Amino acid sequence: MSTSPDTASSALSSSPTSEEAKSWHTYRRTNEQETPKRLEEAAKFLTGLASIALTLFLQPKEQLLTQGGMVAKVAVAFWLLSLLPAFWVIFPRRYRYAEVSAEAITQLHRRVVLWKYGALVASAGLFWLGLALLTWCYFSATPVTLPGSESPLGG
């Protein structure tokens, strides 16, 4: 099926953009520009979560580090290491770009977002790995007894 030249030219011609389409383009652009700020907020949340989790796991059971052995120490090390990439996301850095070039600013923005996103993913991965290990240590160090039983499970 072939198209006539009139149909092809009308399909390629641009029509005025509606106000709704303009508002969605503005929303997308604003959302994209605010991505580094959202990544920084997520990193702040993750550092707070790591601090609270360390306090909750280690405060009531100081012996968890000694009873959990090397696994518990590695888990705590993962948690502490997870704070470094999170701080790198939050810490302000100097960026160089050509102020007169919108393309240079856009490329820099993309690099910053990718770098911050990668650091945040690394931080979250270390946090979750540490959480899984420390949870395992916590529950393996805590004897679980069934009602009406005097001996702990597995013991």
Foldseek 3Di string as FASTA:
>chain_A
DDDDPVVVVVVPDDDDDDPVRVVVVVVVVVVLLCLLVVLLVLLVVLLVVLVVVCCVLCVVCVCLDVQLDPLLVQLNVLSVVLNVLSVVSNDDDDDDFDPVDPVRVVVSSVVNSVSSVVSNVSSVVSNVSSVVSSVVSSVVVDFDDDVPDDHGPPD
